[in-house]
Each structure stands twice: as structure tokens, then as C-alpha cells.
């Protein structure tokens, strides 16, 4: 394209120069060039193939005089074909289909709204943009920039809420459970079973055993789940301990619906996975249990601290037991401690942690 533009510009410059010359000079030069062209025609010398720039200039100059008598190197139909082709290219450029594309920020907003609202369709996103933000786009335009699902789903977008959204909406009615492993000084492997209430982040139950079975696990649910509050869902992984008989007893005896995360999906039970990490970072990484009873005492004290004295950032921050009771922390900001106020502390796990209070 650059070469064609340069060639056309050069021919245009020669044409402008010729316009300022006298008619006698142009007529003499025209006759001089025709004599040479006649010589080449008589000897049947084939010219080289014309470039795009040469075709374009011949079409332009042909509109300024009677070109049929002067045309030698190609047939008249060929020149007319060049003219029609140029006319089609011109109108194709002039009448480009569709409206101009939306601004990149609008495209990014469409992708964002589709990602944050998996139950919305293209018409809903277009209506939201128009009514709330004053951005007029058609559903077809939204469809053009719609983030589709991977090909293994047939190009269709699953219209359902995300797992995290479901958990947040039903957190008060969901409990999650999981096992973690601890090793004693004699290298005995002990299994710690945890039941967590997602809404308040309270640890409902914690117990230790060296030989976990489905019957033992079911008994932990009986000890941990209170009859005062009815839960609807329980999340557990695909461990063989959670047998079909255990799940059936949870459905019939407790009225629970079993939620099992997909394979290789650690975020499916992310709350318990995070709790296991917290126990290790705050407690077991600094303690060496001597035996099963020792580990049970350590965890009993730590669970009491976790539920009653340890702040949780996901609660605002807040403390699980106070959140469940509905207690609200004062919103006033204190930048200094009054002289009459004494700050007292209570040691946890022999001084590994402390709880503070004003007195």
C-alpha cells in the first residue's frame, strides 16, 4: 500500500507540472510519445504487467479525455473492468457495515457484569447499562463481547449462581466438617475432626481419635449438632470415612442435605481448609502433643479461644460467639487509653496467645 501511494503521488506531481506548461509544448510531447508507442506496437513488443498504481492512474486520467483512441497496451474492456473494481472497493470502504465499536471501557464493563452476575443474560445486561448508566447498546452488541464458557460445555454459559454465592446466601444454615492429622512425640498419627458453622465461624465440635470410622464420625455429629438450631446443609469431602450409610443417617436423622465438592476442588470446602491452616499456624506448629489426651486438652483450650476471644476478619472483624449473640462492637475510635482504665491480659496455651480486655 505504501508503494502504491508513493507511485500515485509521483504521477499526480507530474500531472500538476504538465498543467502549467503551454498547449504547444504538450501537443508536441504527445505526438513525440505517440510515435515511439507506434514503433513498439509495429514490432509487437509486449509491455510489462501493470502495477496497481499504474492501473489506478490510467483509470483517473481516462476520465479527462477520449481515451479509446489512445489505449494501446490493454483492451477497452480491461480498463472498464479496472474502473468498476475501483468503484466497488470505494463503496465497500464508504459503506462499512455496522455501527462503530463501543468504547473499550464499555466492553470491559460488559465482561465484568457478565462475570459478576452468572444468572444474567445479554438482554438483562443491555437493559442494566441503559437504565442505570445511560449507555445505549443492543443485546447483539453485548453478545459480541460476551465471555463464553469453555468449549467442553458446548459453548453454552451455565445460568446458575457460583458456589461462593450459594455459601454466602445460606451460611447460617450450613456446617462444614473435615479431618486434620497431628503427630505425637512417638510418631503416632492422630486424627482431629472439626465441625464449623459457616455463618458465625464457630467451631461447633472438635474431637481426636487414632482410628476414625464412619460410626465414630456419626457420633461426633450427634455430639456437635444442637437440636436448638436446625441446619439444612453439610459440606464434607470425598473421604471414604464419609460412607453412604453415614450420609443416609445424616439425611434421615438430622434432615441435612449433603454437599460434596467436585474432585480436585479445594475451594469447595474452603472454610474448613482455612480452619485447618489456622489451627496449624496458631497452635499445632508450636505444640508437640504427647498423646491423644494431651492433644485433646490443647485443642479444647484453643477452640475456646477461637470461639470467644480470637478476632476474625471475615466477621468485620468480630468474634464468633459475640456475632452469634448479636453483640455489636462500639464504633467510636479511641486514640488514647484513659488513666483509670487498666488493660489486663489472659494467657492462652501457656502464653502462646493472650486475650486483652479493659478493666
Protein backbone atom coordinates (compact mmCIF):
# COMPACT_ATOMS: atom_id res chain seq x y z
CA UNK A 1 0.00 0.00 0.00
CA UNK A 2 2.87 2.39 0.72
CA UNK A 3 4.43 1.73 -2.69
CA UNK A 4 1.10 2.31 -4.44
CA UNK A 5 0.58 5.58 -2.56
CA UNK A 6 4.08 6.81 -3.50
CA UNK A 7 3.58 5.90 -7.16
CA UNK A 8 0.19 7.67 -7.31
CA UNK A 9 1.67 10.74 -5.63
CA UNK A 10 4.51 10.83 -8.18
CA UNK A 11 2.05 10.63 -11.11
CA UNK A 12 -0.05 13.39 -9.55
CA UNK A 13 3.01 15.59 -9.26
CA UNK A 14 3.84 15.05 -12.94
CA UNK A 15 0.25 15.91 -13.86
CA UNK A 16 0.38 19.18 -11.93
CA UNK A 17 3.63 20.10 -13.67
CA UNK A 18 2.06 19.41 -17.05
CA UNK A 19 -0.87 21.73 -16.26
CA UNK A 20 1.38 24.80 -16.14
CA UNK A 21 3.01 24.06 -19.49
CA UNK A 22 1.84 25.57 -22.79
CA UNK A 23 -0.54 23.73 -25.11
CA UNK A 24 2.05 23.72 -27.91
CA UNK A 25 4.60 22.00 -25.67
CA UNK A 26 2.08 19.39 -24.52
CA UNK A 27 0.90 18.70 -28.11
CA UNK A 28 4.49 18.24 -29.31
CA UNK A 29 5.32 15.91 -26.42
CA UNK A 30 2.12 13.97 -27.03
CA UNK A 31 2.96 13.45 -30.71
CA UNK A 32 6.56 12.56 -29.80
CA UNK A 33 5.38 9.84 -27.37
CA UNK A 34 2.78 8.50 -29.85
CA UNK A 35 5.48 7.97 -32.49
CA UNK A 36 7.52 5.90 -30.08
CA UNK A 37 4.44 3.94 -28.98
CA UNK A 38 3.61 3.21 -32.63
CA UNK A 39 7.11 1.85 -33.12
CA UNK A 40 6.69 -0.60 -30.21
CA UNK A 41 3.26 -1.60 -31.50
CA UNK A 42 4.53 -2.34 -35.02
CA UNK A 43 7.28 -4.60 -33.65
CA UNK A 44 4.76 -6.35 -31.32
CA UNK A 45 6.74 -5.76 -28.15
CA UNK A 46 4.79 -6.92 -25.04
CA UNK A 47 4.87 -4.42 -22.17
CA UNK A 48 5.46 -5.46 -18.59
CA UNK A 49 2.49 -6.23 -16.30
CA UNK A 50 1.00 -3.04 -14.89
CA UNK A 51 1.17 -2.35 -11.20
CA UNK A 52 -1.83 -1.36 -9.07
CA UNK A 53 -0.62 2.23 -9.04
CA UNK A 54 -0.41 2.27 -12.85
CA UNK A 55 -3.93 0.86 -13.21
CA UNK A 56 -5.29 3.45 -10.79
CA UNK A 57 -3.68 6.39 -12.60
CA UNK A 58 -4.82 5.14 -16.01
CA UNK A 59 -8.40 4.97 -14.74
CA UNK A 60 -8.16 8.50 -13.32
CA UNK A 61 -6.60 10.08 -16.44
CA UNK A 62 -9.05 8.29 -18.76
CA UNK A 63 -11.92 10.34 -17.34
CA UNK A 64 -10.33 13.59 -18.62
CA UNK A 65 -10.22 12.84 -22.38
CA UNK A 66 -11.34 10.45 -25.08
CA UNK A 67 -9.19 7.51 -24.10
CA UNK A 68 -10.46 4.85 -26.54
CA UNK A 69 -8.27 6.06 -29.43
CA UNK A 70 -5.22 6.40 -27.16
CA UNK A 71 -5.46 2.98 -25.45
CA UNK A 72 -2.89 0.50 -26.77
CA UNK A 73 -1.45 -1.77 -24.07
CA UNK A 74 -4.78 -3.32 -22.93
CA UNK A 75 -8.27 -3.81 -24.33
CA UNK A 76 -11.01 -1.26 -23.57
CA UNK A 77 -12.96 -3.88 -21.55
CA UNK A 78 -9.95 -4.37 -19.30
CA UNK A 79 -9.77 -0.66 -18.45
CA UNK A 80 -13.52 -0.56 -17.82
CA UNK A 81 -13.12 -3.60 -15.51
CA UNK A 82 -10.45 -1.73 -13.56
CA UNK A 83 -12.79 1.20 -13.20
CA UNK A 84 -15.65 -0.99 -11.90
CA UNK A 85 -13.36 -2.76 -9.46
CA UNK A 86 -12.18 0.55 -8.06
CA UNK A 87 -15.80 1.69 -7.76
CA UNK A 88 -16.70 -1.43 -5.75
CA UNK A 89 -13.69 -1.01 -3.44
CA UNK A 90 -14.58 2.63 -2.86
CA UNK A 91 -18.17 1.87 -1.85
CA UNK A 92 -17.11 -1.07 0.26
CA UNK A 93 -14.89 1.29 2.23
CA UNK A 94 -17.51 4.05 2.36
CA UNK A 95 -20.38 1.80 3.47
CA UNK A 96 -18.67 -0.24 6.19
CA UNK A 97 -21.31 -2.46 7.87
CA UNK A 98 -22.49 -1.91 11.45
CA UNK A 99 -22.05 0.84 13.97
CA UNK A 100 -18.68 1.90 15.32
CA UNK A 101 -17.50 -0.43 18.12
CA UNK A 102 -18.20 0.65 21.70
CA UNK A 103 -15.51 2.20 23.84
CA UNK A 104 -13.04 -0.27 25.41
CA UNK A 105 -14.31 0.72 28.87
CA UNK A 106 -17.85 -0.32 27.88
CA UNK A 107 -16.56 -3.64 26.55
CA UNK A 108 -14.71 -4.26 29.81
CA UNK A 109 -17.86 -3.33 31.75
CA UNK A 110 -19.90 -5.88 29.76
CA UNK A 111 -17.38 -8.60 30.59
CA UNK A 112 -17.36 -7.53 34.24
CA UNK A 113 -21.16 -7.54 34.57
CA UNK A 114 -21.41 -10.95 32.90
CA UNK A 115 -18.75 -12.36 35.20
CA UNK A 116 -20.25 -10.94 38.39
CA UNK A 117 -23.82 -12.00 37.53
CA UNK A 118 -23.80 -15.52 36.10
CA UNK A 119 -27.62 -15.71 36.04
CA UNK A 120 -27.98 -12.65 33.78
CA UNK A 121 -28.48 -12.84 30.04
CA UNK A 122 -27.44 -10.45 27.31
CA UNK A 123 -30.76 -8.59 27.29
CA UNK A 124 -30.55 -8.04 31.07
CA UNK A 125 -27.03 -6.61 30.77
CA UNK A 126 -28.11 -4.30 27.94
CA UNK A 127 -31.09 -3.09 29.98
CA UNK A 128 -28.91 -2.57 33.05
CA UNK A 129 -26.45 -0.48 31.05
CA UNK A 130 -29.23 1.68 29.58
CA UNK A 131 -31.45 2.21 32.63
CA UNK A 132 -28.78 2.52 35.33
CA UNK A 133 -25.80 4.02 33.48
CA UNK A 134 -27.39 5.64 30.41
CA UNK A 135 -25.29 3.55 27.99
CA UNK A 136 -27.38 2.52 24.98
CA UNK A 137 -26.18 -0.77 23.49
CA UNK A 138 -28.20 -3.52 21.87
CA UNK A 139 -28.24 -7.12 23.13
CA UNK A 140 -26.45 -8.11 19.92
CA UNK A 141 -23.60 -5.77 20.80
CA UNK A 142 -23.47 -7.29 24.28
CA UNK A 143 -23.41 -10.75 22.69
CA UNK A 144 -20.38 -9.79 20.61
CA UNK A 145 -18.28 -9.16 23.74
CA UNK A 146 -19.91 -11.85 25.92
CA UNK A 147 -17.41 -14.06 27.82
CA UNK A 148 -18.42 -17.57 26.81
CA UNK A 149 -17.72 -20.70 28.79
CA UNK A 150 -15.01 -23.21 27.72
CA UNK A 151 -15.66 -25.46 24.74
CA UNK A 152 -16.21 -28.53 26.88
CA UNK A 153 -19.61 -27.07 27.77
CA UNK A 154 -20.70 -26.79 24.16
CA UNK A 155 -20.22 -23.03 24.01
CA UNK A 156 -23.11 -22.51 26.45
CA UNK A 157 -22.98 -20.46 29.59
CA UNK A 158 -24.25 -22.18 32.71
CA UNK A 159 -27.01 -19.97 34.15
CA UNK A 160 -26.60 -20.59 37.87
CA UNK A 161 -25.05 -18.91 40.86
CA UNK A 162 -21.48 -19.59 41.86
CA UNK A 163 -20.59 -21.86 44.73
CA UNK A 164 -19.26 -18.95 46.80
CA UNK A 165 -22.52 -17.05 46.28
CA UNK A 166 -24.58 -20.04 47.38
CA UNK A 167 -22.46 -20.47 50.52
CA UNK A 168 -22.76 -16.79 51.46
CA UNK A 169 -26.54 -16.81 50.99
CA UNK A 170 -27.02 -19.96 53.11
CA UNK A 171 -24.11 -19.62 55.54
CA UNK A 172 -26.30 -19.67 58.66
CA UNK A 173 -27.80 -22.99 57.60
CA UNK A 174 -24.53 -24.70 56.54
CA UNK A 175 -22.00 -26.63 58.57
CA UNK A 176 -18.73 -27.93 57.17
CA UNK A 177 -16.56 -30.71 58.51
CA UNK A 178 -13.10 -32.05 57.84
CA UNK A 179 -10.23 -34.07 59.31
CA UNK A 180 -6.70 -32.95 60.02
CA UNK A 181 -3.72 -35.03 61.03
CA UNK A 182 -1.40 -34.50 64.01
CA UNK A 183 1.69 -36.50 65.00
CA UNK A 184 2.69 -37.17 68.61
CA UNK A 185 6.20 -37.36 70.06
CA UNK A 186 6.14 -41.13 69.48
CA UNK A 187 5.12 -40.58 65.85
CA UNK A 188 1.60 -41.79 66.42
CA UNK A 189 -0.83 -40.39 63.86
CA UNK A 190 -3.94 -38.84 65.38
CA UNK A 191 -6.98 -37.57 63.51
CA UNK A 192 -8.78 -34.38 64.55
CA UNK A 193 -12.40 -33.99 63.44
CA UNK A 194 -13.85 -30.49 63.15
CA UNK A 195 -17.37 -29.18 62.59
CA UNK A 196 -17.62 -25.49 61.63
CA UNK A 197 -20.70 -23.29 61.40
CA UNK A 198 -20.15 -21.08 58.35
CA UNK A 199 -22.41 -18.20 59.34
CA UNK A 200 -20.74 -17.36 62.66
CA UNK A 201 -17.42 -19.17 62.03
CA UNK A 202 -17.92 -21.02 65.34
CA UNK A 203 -16.31 -24.39 65.86
CA UNK A 204 -19.27 -26.49 66.95
CA UNK A 205 -17.31 -29.61 67.78
CA UNK A 206 -13.73 -30.86 67.91
CA UNK A 207 -12.53 -34.32 68.89
CA UNK A 208 -9.49 -36.57 68.47
CA UNK A 209 -9.15 -40.25 67.65
CA UNK A 210 -6.47 -42.64 66.45
CA UNK A 211 -8.86 -44.80 64.44
CA UNK A 212 -11.56 -42.79 62.66
CA UNK A 213 -14.55 -44.75 61.39
CA UNK A 214 -17.95 -43.89 59.96
CA UNK A 215 -19.64 -44.86 63.25
CA UNK A 216 -17.29 -42.66 65.29
CA UNK A 217 -17.82 -39.76 62.85
CA UNK A 218 -21.59 -40.11 63.08
CA UNK A 219 -21.35 -39.93 66.87
CA UNK A 220 -19.42 -36.67 66.55
CA UNK A 221 -22.28 -35.21 64.54
CA UNK A 222 -24.68 -36.28 67.30
CA UNK A 223 -22.49 -34.56 69.91
CA UNK A 224 -21.78 -31.42 67.85
CA UNK A 225 -25.10 -30.53 66.22
CA UNK A 226 -27.54 -28.98 68.64
CA UNK A 227 -31.25 -29.67 68.49
CA UNK A 228 -31.97 -25.99 69.17
CA UNK A 229 -30.84 -24.95 65.71
CA UNK A 230 -31.73 -26.80 62.56
CA UNK A 231 -29.15 -26.85 59.81
CA UNK A 232 -30.00 -27.62 56.20
CA UNK A 233 -26.66 -28.43 54.56
CA UNK A 234 -23.42 -30.15 55.49
CA UNK A 235 -20.24 -29.97 53.42
CA UNK A 236 -17.69 -32.75 53.53
CA UNK A 237 -15.08 -34.08 51.14
CA UNK A 238 -14.89 -37.43 49.36
CA UNK A 239 -13.00 -39.28 52.09
CA UNK A 240 -14.03 -42.92 52.49
CA UNK A 241 -14.90 -42.25 56.14
CA UNK A 242 -17.97 -40.36 54.91
CA UNK A 243 -19.68 -43.53 53.75
CA UNK A 244 -23.06 -43.88 52.09
CA UNK A 245 -24.52 -45.14 55.35
CA UNK A 246 -23.24 -42.07 57.20
CA UNK A 247 -24.75 -39.74 54.59
CA UNK A 248 -28.05 -41.60 54.77
CA UNK A 249 -28.15 -41.24 58.55
CA UNK A 250 -27.40 -37.52 58.27
CA UNK A 251 -30.29 -37.12 55.84
CA UNK A 252 -32.81 -39.08 57.86
CA UNK A 253 -31.71 -38.32 61.42
CA UNK A 254 -30.69 -34.68 61.05
CA UNK A 255 -32.58 -33.59 57.93
CA UNK A 256 -29.33 -32.47 56.28
CA UNK A 257 -28.63 -32.24 52.59
CA UNK A 258 -25.15 -33.48 51.74
CA UNK A 259 -22.96 -31.16 49.64
CA UNK A 260 -19.86 -32.88 48.25
CA UNK A 261 -17.38 -30.68 46.35
CA UNK A 262 -16.24 -31.86 42.90
CA UNK A 263 -12.96 -33.80 42.64
CA UNK A 264 -9.77 -31.73 42.88
CA UNK A 265 -11.69 -28.65 44.05
CA UNK A 266 -10.14 -27.48 47.34
CA UNK A 267 -12.22 -24.29 47.28
CA UNK A 268 -15.38 -26.37 47.57
CA UNK A 269 -14.69 -26.78 51.31
CA UNK A 270 -12.54 -23.68 51.60
CA UNK A 271 -13.83 -22.67 55.04
CA UNK A 272 -12.70 -25.88 56.70
CA UNK A 273 -9.46 -25.88 54.72
CA UNK A 274 -8.78 -22.39 56.04
CA UNK A 275 -9.67 -23.50 59.58
CA UNK A 276 -7.22 -26.40 59.35
CA UNK A 277 -4.50 -23.97 58.27
CA UNK A 278 -5.37 -21.63 61.15
CA UNK A 279 -5.10 -24.45 63.69
CA UNK A 280 -1.69 -25.38 62.38
CA UNK A 281 -0.36 -21.81 62.22
CA UNK A 282 -1.78 -20.71 65.59
CA UNK A 283 -1.42 -23.91 67.60
CA UNK A 284 -0.04 -27.20 66.32
CA UNK A 285 3.05 -25.70 64.67
CA UNK A 286 4.18 -24.61 68.16
CA UNK A 287 2.99 -27.59 70.20
CA UNK A 288 4.15 -31.21 70.28
CA UNK A 289 1.33 -33.42 71.61
CA UNK A 290 2.47 -36.23 73.86
CA UNK A 291 -0.56 -38.46 73.36
CA UNK A 292 -4.22 -38.39 72.42
CA UNK A 293 -5.49 -36.91 75.68
CA UNK A 294 -2.83 -34.18 75.60
CA UNK A 295 -3.82 -33.17 72.08
CA UNK A 296 -7.48 -33.13 73.09
CA UNK A 297 -6.73 -30.76 76.00
CA UNK A 298 -4.67 -28.47 73.78
CA UNK A 299 -7.40 -28.24 71.19
CA UNK A 300 -10.13 -27.75 73.78
CA UNK A 301 -8.37 -24.65 75.12
CA UNK A 302 -7.57 -23.36 71.67
CA UNK A 303 -11.15 -23.86 70.41
CA UNK A 304 -12.41 -21.90 73.42
CA UNK A 305 -10.03 -19.10 72.49
CA UNK A 306 -11.05 -19.33 68.82
CA UNK A 307 -14.77 -19.02 69.57
CA UNK A 308 -14.65 -16.47 72.40
CA UNK A 309 -11.52 -14.37 72.09
CA UNK A 310 -9.94 -14.50 68.64
CA UNK A 311 -10.99 -11.75 66.17
CA UNK A 312 -11.98 -12.89 62.66
CA UNK A 313 -11.53 -10.52 59.75
CA UNK A 314 -14.39 -12.14 57.82
CA UNK A 315 -16.80 -11.08 60.58
CA UNK A 316 -15.98 -7.42 60.32
CA UNK A 317 -13.69 -8.12 62.37
CA UNK A 318 -15.67 -9.86 65.08
CA UNK A 319 -15.68 -12.78 67.49
CA UNK A 320 -17.81 -15.86 66.63
CA UNK A 321 -19.66 -16.14 69.94
CA UNK A 322 -20.42 -12.41 70.08
CA UNK A 323 -21.59 -12.45 66.47
CA UNK A 324 -23.99 -15.26 67.21
CA UNK A 325 -25.39 -13.42 70.25
CA UNK A 326 -25.85 -10.23 68.23
CA UNK A 327 -23.40 -8.14 70.25
CA UNK A 328 -22.14 -5.08 68.38
CA UNK A 329 -18.73 -3.55 68.88
CA UNK A 330 -18.66 0.22 69.65
CA UNK A 331 -17.99 2.27 66.55
CA UNK A 332 -16.11 5.06 68.36
CA UNK A 333 -12.42 5.34 67.68
CA UNK A 334 -10.21 5.56 70.77
CA UNK A 335 -6.77 7.04 70.22
CA UNK A 336 -5.65 7.04 73.83
CA UNK A 337 -6.21 4.98 76.99
CA UNK A 338 -7.70 6.74 79.98
CA UNK A 339 -5.67 6.77 83.16
CA UNK A 340 -8.44 4.99 85.05
CA UNK A 341 -8.53 2.12 82.55
CA UNK A 342 -6.28 -0.85 83.09
CA UNK A 343 -5.56 -3.31 80.29
CA UNK A 344 -5.43 -6.88 81.56
CA UNK A 345 -4.42 -9.96 79.64
CA UNK A 346 -5.15 -13.66 79.95
CA UNK A 347 -2.67 -16.17 78.65
CA UNK A 348 -3.74 -18.94 76.30
CA UNK A 349 -1.84 -22.21 75.89
CA UNK A 350 0.83 -21.26 78.39
CA UNK A 351 1.45 -17.82 76.88
CA UNK A 352 1.37 -18.75 73.18
CA UNK A 353 -1.55 -16.31 72.79
CA UNK A 354 -3.12 -13.68 75.01
CA UNK A 355 -6.58 -12.13 75.26
CA UNK A 356 -6.82 -8.48 76.31
CA UNK A 357 -9.60 -6.50 77.95
CA UNK A 358 -10.06 -3.12 79.59
CA UNK A 359 -10.84 -3.03 83.29
